[in-house]
C-alpha atoms as a PDB file:
ATOM      1  CA  MET A   1      -0.214  -0.228   0.120  1.00  0.00           C
ATOM      2  CA  ALA A   2       1.329   3.308  -0.798  1.00  0.00           C
ATOM      3  CA  SER A   3       0.547   5.185   1.986  1.00  0.00           C
ATOM      4  CA  LYS A   4      -1.120   4.841   5.732  1.00  0.00           C
ATOM      5  CA  PRO A   5      -4.874   3.397   5.469  1.00  0.00           C
ATOM      6  CA  GLN A   6      -7.432   5.202   7.674  1.00  0.00           C
ATOM      7  CA  VAL A   7      -8.848   1.980   9.113  1.00  0.00           C
ATOM      8  CA  SER A   8      -7.393  -1.579   9.716  1.00  0.00           C
ATOM      9  CA  ILE A   9      -9.791  -4.227   9.418  1.00  0.00           C
ATOM     10  CA  VAL A  10      -8.962  -7.167  11.497  1.00  0.00           C
ATOM     11  CA  ILE A  11     -10.511 -10.747  11.228  1.00  0.00           C
ATOM     12  CA  PRO A  12      -9.487 -13.543  13.241  1.00  0.00           C
ATOM     13  CA  ASN A  13      -9.707 -17.170  11.302  1.00  0.00           C
ATOM     14  CA  TYR A  14     -10.245 -20.294  13.076  1.00  0.00           C
ATOM     15  CA  ASN A  15     -11.516 -23.259  11.121  1.00  0.00           C
ATOM     16  CA  GLU A  16     -13.608 -20.583   8.849  1.00  0.00           C
ATOM     17  CA  GLU A  17     -13.374 -23.050   5.596  1.00  0.00           C
ATOM     18  CA  GLN A  18     -17.041 -23.170   5.249  1.00  0.00           C
ATOM     19  CA  ASN A  19     -17.784 -19.205   5.950  1.00  0.00           C
ATOM     20  CA  ILE A  20     -14.946 -18.651   3.279  1.00  0.00           C
ATOM     21  CA  LYS A  21     -16.588 -21.005   0.857  1.00  0.00           C
ATOM     22  CA  ARG A  22     -19.738 -19.215   0.825  1.00  0.00           C
ATOM     23  CA  GLY A  23     -18.089 -16.048   0.321  1.00  0.00           C
ATOM     24  CA  VAL A  24     -17.722 -14.031   3.073  1.00  0.00           C
ATOM     25  CA  LEU A  25     -14.319 -12.514   2.026  1.00  0.00           C
ATOM     26  CA  ASP A  26     -15.640 -11.960  -1.373  1.00  0.00           C
ATOM     27  CA  GLN A  27     -18.723  -9.655   0.498  1.00  0.00           C
ATOM     28  CA  VAL A  28     -15.897  -7.813   2.608  1.00  0.00           C
ATOM     29  CA  ALA A  29     -13.969  -6.761  -0.556  1.00  0.00           C
ATOM     30  CA  SER A  30     -16.962  -6.112  -2.811  1.00  0.00           C
ATOM     31  CA  TYR A  31     -17.858  -3.613   0.095  1.00  0.00           C
ATOM     32  CA  LEU A  32     -14.505  -1.973   0.764  1.00  0.00           C
ATOM     33  CA  SER A  33     -14.147  -1.224  -3.032  1.00  0.00           C
ATOM     34  CA  LYS A  34     -16.905   1.484  -2.657  1.00  0.00           C
ATOM     35  CA  ALA A  35     -15.872   2.595   0.783  1.00  0.00           C
ATOM     36  CA  LYS A  36     -14.860   6.133   1.254  1.00  0.00           C
ATOM     37  CA  PHE A  37     -11.809   5.433   3.773  1.00  0.00           C
ATOM     38  CA  THR A  38      -8.682   3.660   2.853  1.00  0.00           C
ATOM     39  CA  TYR A  39      -8.313   0.170   4.102  1.00  0.00           C
ATOM     40  CA  GLU A  40      -6.255  -2.679   4.722  1.00  0.00           C
ATOM     41  CA  VAL A  41      -7.505  -5.967   5.656  1.00  0.00           C
ATOM     42  CA  ILE A  42      -5.819  -8.279   8.193  1.00  0.00           C
ATOM     43  CA  ILE A  43      -7.084 -12.008   8.461  1.00  0.00           C
ATOM     44  CA  SER A  44      -5.337 -13.289  11.158  1.00  0.00           C
ATOM     45  CA  ASP A  45      -5.222 -17.226  11.808  1.00  0.00           C
ATOM     46  CA  ASP A  46      -5.508 -19.134  14.608  1.00  0.00           C
ATOM     47  CA  GLY A  47      -3.682 -22.090  13.853  1.00  0.00           C
ATOM     48  CA  SER A  48      -6.581 -23.316  12.003  1.00  0.00           C
ATOM     49  CA  SER A  49      -6.440 -27.080  11.121  1.00  0.00           C
ATOM     50  CA  ASP A  50      -8.683 -26.676   8.024  1.00  0.00           C
ATOM     51  CA  SER A  51      -8.269 -25.449   4.563  1.00  0.00           C
ATOM     52  CA  SER A  52      -9.242 -21.999   5.947  1.00  0.00           C
ATOM     53  CA  LEU A  53      -5.490 -20.646   6.105  1.00  0.00           C
ATOM     54  CA  ASP A  54      -4.971 -21.671   2.323  1.00  0.00           C
ATOM     55  CA  LEU A  55      -8.332 -20.226   1.466  1.00  0.00           C
ATOM     56  CA  ALA A  56      -7.654 -16.648   3.185  1.00  0.00           C
ATOM     57  CA  LEU A  57      -3.652 -17.063   1.654  1.00  0.00           C
ATOM     58  CA  ALA A  58      -5.413 -17.333  -1.987  1.00  0.00           C
ATOM     59  CA  PHE A  59      -7.721 -14.930  -1.666  1.00  0.00           C
ATOM     60  CA  ALA A  60      -4.931 -12.084  -0.324  1.00  0.00           C
ATOM     61  CA  ARG A  61      -2.859 -13.149  -3.079  1.00  0.00           C
ATOM     62  CA  LYS A  62      -5.287 -11.608  -5.567  1.00  0.00           C
ATOM     63  CA  HIS A  63      -6.653  -8.522  -3.517  1.00  0.00           C
ATOM     64  CA  PRO A  64      -3.221  -6.276  -2.547  1.00  0.00           C
ATOM     65  CA  HIS A  65      -5.073  -4.364   0.416  1.00  0.00           C
ATOM     66  CA  PHE A  66      -5.664  -8.108   1.893  1.00  0.00           C
ATOM     67  CA  ARG A  67      -2.812  -9.588   4.297  1.00  0.00           C
ATOM     68  CA  VAL A  68      -2.727 -12.548   5.928  1.00  0.00           C
ATOM     69  CA  LEU A  69      -0.797 -13.334   9.498  1.00  0.00           C
ATOM     70  CA  LYS A  70      -0.311 -16.833  10.433  1.00  0.00           C
ATOM     71  CA  ASN A  71      -0.217 -17.700  14.335  1.00  0.00           C
ATOM     72  CA  PRO A  72      -0.265 -20.362  16.542  1.00  0.00           C
ATOM     73  CA  HIS A  73      -3.385 -21.774  17.634  1.00  0.00           C
ATOM     74  CA  GLY A  74      -4.011 -19.427  20.987  1.00  0.00           C
ATOM     75  CA  GLY A  75      -7.628 -18.680  20.910  1.00  0.00           C
ATOM     76  CA  LYS A  76      -9.527 -15.715  19.768  1.00  0.00           C
ATOM     77  CA  ALA A  77      -8.157 -12.698  22.105  1.00  0.00           C
ATOM     78  CA  ALA A  78      -4.921 -13.694  20.660  1.00  0.00           C
ATOM     79  CA  ALA A  79      -5.773 -13.790  17.104  1.00  0.00           C
ATOM     80  CA  VAL A  80      -7.341 -10.254  17.201  1.00  0.00           C
ATOM     81  CA  TYR A  81      -3.985  -8.715  19.582  1.00  0.00           C
ATOM     82  CA  ALA A  82      -1.491 -10.231  16.723  1.00  0.00           C
ATOM     83  CA  GLY A  83      -4.047  -8.417  13.919  1.00  0.00           C
ATOM     84  CA  ILE A  84      -3.694  -5.154  16.377  1.00  0.00           C
ATOM     85  CA  LYS A  85      -0.108  -5.079  16.452  1.00  0.00           C
ATOM     86  CA  ALA A  86       0.293  -5.496  13.000  1.00  0.00           C
ATOM     87  CA  ALA A  87      -2.252  -2.666  12.315  1.00  0.00           C
ATOM     88  CA  LYS A  88      -1.071   0.407  10.493  1.00  0.00           C
ATOM     89  CA  GLY A  89      -4.435   2.798  10.239  1.00  0.00           C
ATOM     90  CA  ASP A  90      -5.604   5.531  12.535  1.00  0.00           C
ATOM     91  CA  VAL A  91      -8.673   3.311  13.470  1.00  0.00           C
ATOM     92  CA  VAL A  92      -8.623  -0.621  13.757  1.00  0.00           C
ATOM     93  CA  LEU A  93     -11.714  -2.723  13.767  1.00  0.00           C
ATOM     94  CA  PHE A  94     -12.187  -6.250  14.546  1.00  0.00           C
ATOM     95  CA  THR A  95     -14.688  -8.024  13.220  1.00  0.00           C
ATOM     96  CA  ASP A  96     -15.919 -11.731  12.599  1.00  0.00           C
ATOM     97  CA  MET A  97     -15.250 -13.977   9.696  1.00  0.00           C
ATOM     98  CA  ASP A  98     -18.951 -14.921   9.465  1.00  0.00           C
ATOM     99  CA  GLN A  99     -19.838 -11.322   9.042  1.00  0.00           C
ATOM    100  CA  SER A 100     -22.742 -11.584  11.211  1.00  0.00           C
ATOM    101  CA  THR A 101     -22.426  -8.090  11.598  1.00  0.00           C
ATOM    102  CA  PRO A 102     -21.826  -6.776   7.948  1.00  0.00           C
ATOM    103  CA  LEU A 103     -18.675  -4.627   7.722  1.00  0.00           C
ATOM    104  CA  LYS A 104     -21.006  -2.047   6.271  1.00  0.00           C
ATOM    105  CA  GLU A 105     -22.068  -1.271   9.595  1.00  0.00           C
ATOM    106  CA  ILE A 106     -18.593   0.226  10.246  1.00  0.00           C
ATOM    107  CA  GLU A 107     -20.455   3.578   8.614  1.00  0.00           C
ATOM    108  CA  LYS A 108     -22.294   3.871  11.901  1.00  0.00           C
ATOM    109  CA  LEU A 109     -18.857   3.670  14.395  1.00  0.00           C
ATOM    110  CA  LEU A 110     -16.767   5.996  12.278  1.00  0.00           C
ATOM    111  CA  PRO A 111     -18.319   9.361  12.748  1.00  0.00           C
ATOM    112  CA  TRP A 112     -18.105   8.977  16.242  1.00  0.00           C
ATOM    113  CA  TYR A 113     -14.223   9.353  16.392  1.00  0.00           C
ATOM    114  CA  ASP A 114     -15.112  12.841  15.006  1.00  0.00           C
ATOM    115  CA  ARG A 115     -16.337  13.532  18.203  1.00  0.00           C
ATOM    116  CA  GLY A 116     -13.461  12.582  20.314  1.00  0.00           C
ATOM    117  CA  TYR A 117     -14.419   9.199  21.363  1.00  0.00           C
ATOM    118  CA  GLN A 118     -11.527   6.572  21.259  1.00  0.00           C
ATOM    119  CA  VAL A 119     -13.337   3.024  21.585  1.00  0.00           C
ATOM    120  CA  VAL A 120     -16.634   2.410  19.393  1.00  0.00           C
ATOM    121  CA  PHE A 121     -18.630  -0.930  19.509  1.00  0.00           C
ATOM    122  CA  GLY A 122     -21.594  -2.380  18.224  1.00  0.00           C
ATOM    123  CA  SER A 123     -24.475  -3.746  19.912  1.00  0.00           C
ATOM    124  CA  ARG A 124     -26.651  -6.520  18.934  1.00  0.00           C
ATOM    125  CA  GLY A 125     -29.673  -4.958  20.379  1.00  0.00           C
ATOM    126  CA  LYS A 126     -32.584  -7.232  21.464  1.00  0.00           C
ATOM    127  CA  ALA A 127     -33.568  -7.864  17.361  1.00  0.00           C
ATOM    128  CA  ARG A 128     -30.886 -10.771  17.160  1.00  0.00           C
ATOM    129  CA  LYS A 129     -32.039 -12.557  14.251  1.00  0.00           C
ATOM    130  CA  ASN A 130     -31.140 -16.371  13.729  1.00  0.00           C
ATOM    131  CA  PHE A 131     -30.229 -16.691  17.631  1.00  0.00           C
ATOM    132  CA  PRO A 132     -31.438 -20.029  19.485  1.00  0.00           C
ATOM    133  CA  TRP A 133     -33.402 -19.752  22.345  1.00  0.00           C
ATOM    134  CA  TYR A 134     -30.644 -21.334  24.591  1.00  0.00           C
ATOM    135  CA  ARG A 135     -28.258 -18.843  23.247  1.00  0.00           C
ATOM    136  CA  GLN A 136     -30.426 -16.183  24.163  1.00  0.00           C
ATOM    137  CA  LEU A 137     -31.130 -17.776  27.566  1.00  0.00           C
ATOM    138  CA  THR A 138     -27.296 -18.055  28.362  1.00  0.00           C
ATOM    139  CA  SER A 139     -26.673 -14.559  26.751  1.00  0.00           C
ATOM    140  CA  TRP A 140     -28.971 -12.826  29.387  1.00  0.00           C
ATOM    141  CA  GLY A 141     -27.476 -14.675  32.480  1.00  0.00           C
ATOM    142  CA  PHE A 142     -24.436 -13.505  31.382  1.00  0.00           C
ATOM    143  CA  ARG A 143     -25.283  -9.832  30.592  1.00  0.00           C
ATOM    144  CA  PHE A 144     -26.828  -9.676  34.165  1.00  0.00           C
ATOM    145  CA  VAL A 145     -24.153 -11.331  35.851  1.00  0.00           C
ATOM    146  CA  ARG A 146     -21.699  -9.028  34.098  1.00  0.00           C
ATOM    147  CA  GLN A 147     -23.508  -5.768  34.776  1.00  0.00           C
ATOM    148  CA  ILE A 148     -23.819  -6.573  38.776  1.00  0.00           C
ATOM    149  CA  PHE A 149     -19.949  -6.521  38.805  1.00  0.00           C
ATOM    150  CA  LEU A 150     -18.553  -4.699  35.697  1.00  0.00           C
ATOM    151  CA  LEU A 151     -19.539  -2.150  32.978  1.00  0.00           C
ATOM    152  CA  ARG A 152     -22.957  -1.677  34.336  1.00  0.00           C
ATOM    153  CA  ASP A 153     -23.902   1.307  31.335  1.00  0.00           C
ATOM    154  CA  VAL A 154     -22.892  -1.530  28.733  1.00  0.00           C
ATOM    155  CA  THR A 155     -25.553  -3.252  27.163  1.00  0.00           C
ATOM    156  CA  ASP A 156     -23.572  -5.356  24.760  1.00  0.00           C
ATOM    157  CA  THR A 157     -19.845  -6.741  25.552  1.00  0.00           C
ATOM    158  CA  GLN A 158     -20.205  -9.523  23.123  1.00  0.00           C
ATOM    159  CA  CYS A 159     -20.497  -8.424  20.093  1.00  0.00           C
ATOM    160  CA  GLY A 160     -17.931  -9.044  17.860  1.00  0.00           C
ATOM    161  CA  PHE A 161     -17.686  -5.854  16.208  1.00  0.00           C
ATOM    162  CA  LYS A 162     -15.166  -3.562  18.093  1.00  0.00           C
ATOM    163  CA  SER A 163     -13.218  -0.386  16.781  1.00  0.00           C
ATOM    164  CA  PHE A 164     -10.803   1.790  18.703  1.00  0.00           C
ATOM    165  CA  LYS A 165      -8.157   4.105  17.737  1.00  0.00           C
ATOM    166  CA  THR A 166      -5.153   2.107  17.111  1.00  0.00           C
ATOM    167  CA  LYS A 167      -2.890   3.336  19.695  1.00  0.00           C
ATOM    168  CA  VAL A 168      -5.266   3.004  22.496  1.00  0.00           C
ATOM    169  CA  ALA A 169      -5.825  -0.942  21.468  1.00  0.00           C
ATOM    170  CA  GLN A 170      -2.234  -1.084  20.910  1.00  0.00           C
ATOM    171  CA  GLN A 171      -2.174   0.325  24.811  1.00  0.00           C
ATOM    172  CA  ILE A 172      -4.804  -1.754  26.084  1.00  0.00           C
ATOM    173  CA  PHE A 173      -4.548  -5.338  25.023  1.00  0.00           C
ATOM    174  CA  PRO A 174      -0.819  -6.093  26.221  1.00  0.00           C
ATOM    175  CA  LYS A 175      -2.455  -5.651  29.708  1.00  0.00           C
ATOM    176  CA  LEU A 176      -5.161  -8.232  29.348  1.00  0.00           C
ATOM    177  CA  GLU A 177      -4.503 -11.266  31.494  1.00  0.00           C
ATOM    178  CA  ILE A 178      -5.898 -13.808  28.517  1.00  0.00           C
ATOM    179  CA  ILE A 179      -3.019 -12.280  26.499  1.00  0.00           C
ATOM    180  CA  ASN A 180      -0.488 -12.586  28.918  1.00  0.00           C
ATOM    181  CA  LYS A 181      -1.516 -16.043  29.986  1.00  0.00           C
ATOM    182  CA  ALA A 182      -1.952 -17.089  26.306  1.00  0.00           C
ATOM    183  CA  GLY A 183      -0.264 -20.115  24.955  1.00  0.00           C
ATOM    184  CA  THR A 184      -0.799 -22.641  22.324  1.00  0.00           C
ATOM    185  CA  THR A 185      -3.998 -24.452  22.893  1.00  0.00           C
ATOM    186  CA  LYS A 186      -6.584 -27.316  21.077  1.00  0.00           C
ATOM    187  CA  GLY A 187     -10.260 -26.624  19.852  1.00  0.00           C
ATOM    188  CA  TRP A 188     -12.433 -23.678  19.563  1.00  0.00           C
ATOM    189  CA  VAL A 189     -11.745 -21.290  22.259  1.00  0.00           C
ATOM    190  CA  VAL A 190     -13.723 -18.181  23.126  1.00  0.00           C
ATOM    191  CA  SER A 191     -13.622 -15.473  26.064  1.00  0.00           C
ATOM    192  CA  ALA A 192     -14.743 -12.963  27.869  1.00  0.00           C
ATOM    193  CA  PHE A 193     -12.106 -10.990  26.859  1.00  0.00           C
ATOM    194  CA  ASP A 194     -14.141  -8.235  25.326  1.00  0.00           C
ATOM    195  CA  VAL A 195     -15.313  -7.442  29.017  1.00  0.00           C
ATOM    196  CA  GLU A 196     -11.693  -7.235  30.079  1.00  0.00           C
ATOM    197  CA  LEU A 197     -10.881  -4.788  26.975  1.00  0.00           C
ATOM    198  CA  LEU A 198     -13.765  -2.428  27.535  1.00  0.00           C
ATOM    199  CA  PHE A 199     -13.417  -2.852  31.186  1.00  0.00           C
ATOM    200  CA  LEU A 200      -9.651  -1.632  30.951  1.00  0.00           C
ATOM    201  CA  ALA A 201     -10.737   1.511  28.377  1.00  0.00           C
ATOM    202  CA  GLU A 202     -12.961   2.674  30.661  1.00  0.00           C
ATOM    203  CA  LYS A 203     -10.685   2.473  33.674  1.00  0.00           C
ATOM    204  CA  PHE A 204      -7.933   4.088  31.948  1.00  0.00           C
ATOM    205  CA  GLY A 205     -10.053   6.843  30.861  1.00  0.00           C
ATOM    206  CA  TYR A 206     -10.846   6.569  27.221  1.00  0.00           C
ATOM    207  CA  LYS A 207     -14.234   7.794  26.054  1.00  0.00           C
ATOM    208  CA  LEU A 208     -16.249   4.649  25.047  1.00  0.00           C
ATOM    209  CA  LYS A 209     -19.545   4.989  22.552  1.00  0.00           C
ATOM    210  CA  GLU A 210     -21.755   1.472  22.246  1.00  0.00           C
ATOM    211  CA  VAL A 211     -23.603   2.168  18.928  1.00  0.00           C
ATOM    212  CA  ASP A 212     -26.348  -0.431  17.771  1.00  0.00           C
ATOM    213  CA  VAL A 213     -25.694  -2.698  14.801  1.00  0.00           C
ATOM    214  CA  THR A 214     -26.949  -4.958  12.273  1.00  0.00           C
ATOM    215  CA  TRP A 215     -26.624  -8.471  13.689  1.00  0.00           C
ATOM    216  CA  ARG A 216     -27.828 -12.078  12.326  1.00  0.00           C
ATOM    217  CA  ASP A 217     -26.029 -15.326  13.532  1.00  0.00           C
ATOM    218  CA  GLU A 218     -24.722 -16.005  10.047  1.00  0.00           C
ATOM    219  CA  ASP A 219     -22.053 -18.744  11.134  1.00  0.00           C
ATOM    220  CA  VAL A 220     -22.250 -21.971   8.918  1.00  0.00           C
ATOM    221  CA  ALA A 221     -18.878 -23.354  10.215  1.00  0.00           C
ATOM    222  CA  THR A 222     -19.514 -26.570  12.082  1.00  0.00           C
ATOM    223  CA  ASN A 223     -15.909 -27.844  12.457  1.00  0.00           C
ATOM    224  CA  LYS A 224     -14.946 -25.667  15.513  1.00  0.00           C
ATOM    225  CA  SER A 225     -16.325 -28.153  18.162  1.00  0.00           C
ATOM    226  CA  LYS A 226     -18.320 -25.200  20.016  1.00  0.00           C
ATOM    227  CA  ASN A 227     -19.715 -25.753  23.634  1.00  0.00           C
ATOM    228  CA  PHE A 228     -21.639 -23.014  24.466  1.00  0.00           C
ATOM    229  CA  PHE A 229     -22.539 -24.528  28.213  1.00  0.00           C
ATOM    230  CA  LYS A 230     -19.022 -24.881  28.971  1.00  0.00           C
ATOM    231  CA  GLU A 231     -18.260 -21.448  27.033  1.00  0.00           C
ATOM    232  CA  SER A 232     -20.855 -19.423  29.490  1.00  0.00           C
ATOM    233  CA  THR A 233     -19.423 -20.910  32.558  1.00  0.00           C
ATOM    234  CA  ASP A 234     -16.055 -20.272  31.346  1.00  0.00           C
ATOM    235  CA  MET A 235     -16.836 -16.602  30.736  1.00  0.00           C
ATOM    236  CA  LEU A 236     -18.497 -15.906  33.753  1.00  0.00           C
ATOM    237  CA  LYS A 237     -15.612 -17.542  35.642  1.00  0.00           C
ATOM    238  CA  GLN A 238     -13.731 -14.805  33.969  1.00  0.00           C
ATOM    239  CA  ILE A 239     -15.865 -12.322  34.918  1.00  0.00           C
ATOM    240  CA  LEU A 240     -15.145 -13.007  38.452  1.00  0.00           C
ATOM    241  CA  ARG A 241     -11.437 -13.192  37.784  1.00  0.00           C
ATOM    242  CA  VAL A 242     -11.307  -9.635  36.225  1.00  0.00           C
ATOM    243  CA  LYS A 243     -13.195  -8.079  38.859  1.00  0.00           C
ATOM    244  CA  LEU A 244     -10.757  -9.791  41.584  1.00  0.00           C
ATOM    245  CA  ASN A 245      -7.896  -8.613  39.152  1.00  0.00           C
ATOM    246  CA  ASP A 246      -8.941  -4.841  39.717  1.00  0.00           C
ATOM    247  CA  LEU A 247      -9.620  -5.333  43.523  1.00  0.00           C
ATOM    248  CA  LYS A 248      -6.257  -6.834  43.715  1.00  0.00           C
ATOM    249  CA  GLY A 249      -4.665  -3.696  42.030  1.00  0.00           C
ATOM    250  CA  VAL A 250      -3.517  -5.885  39.063  1.00  0.00           C
ATOM    251  CA  TYR A 251      -4.361  -3.263  36.363  1.00  0.00           C
ATOM    252  CA  ASN A 252      -3.008  -0.206  37.883  1.00  0.00           C
END
């Protein structure tokens, strides 16, 4: 790229073969070809065990504004952080490969930076399309517990559509406990790193804005070995750890 992009878009990739084959990267490229901002797209691979890395590399070879990072499998937070570290834009957005929130929704986020905000993130609101009842139930329980302890004014911490001034993200991510304890792992890994991330942004005095975005569960990948019950209980434990860390002064 000849000049510094205005926006860096980080897309974590773990076993996304089925999503890539249905054309999600083509959707991203199509939208960006008409965007009013300059950009780069960083596909940050999380040690995929299917063909998604090869598919991403092949796509990037045909699209000069796309590049791929190869990482050992350490979970979504580690993959996002690798992309954040590599970002060159003034603003960085991370978004899920499945495009459950279409990339065009970034147009709702970017204007807030002109108003002095440093962290602008999407919220799925109540109208979550194609969202199974058991996920709605666990999501409600997660939010209820989380708001008791952390981020009481934030409606949705788990929408995978978050943007930051890049320098801010690069300052916050190294403070995350999940980053500092990350190593190689096995299987599909999610976490409450979004909670810790937003909590630290608020704690360090950055200006946050939550914005409603369109969201519909579009993930067709079946080879991530998801266990929503285990994920939910693990995430609840992590909320308590963030609160405990704060009380112990770990983040000071």
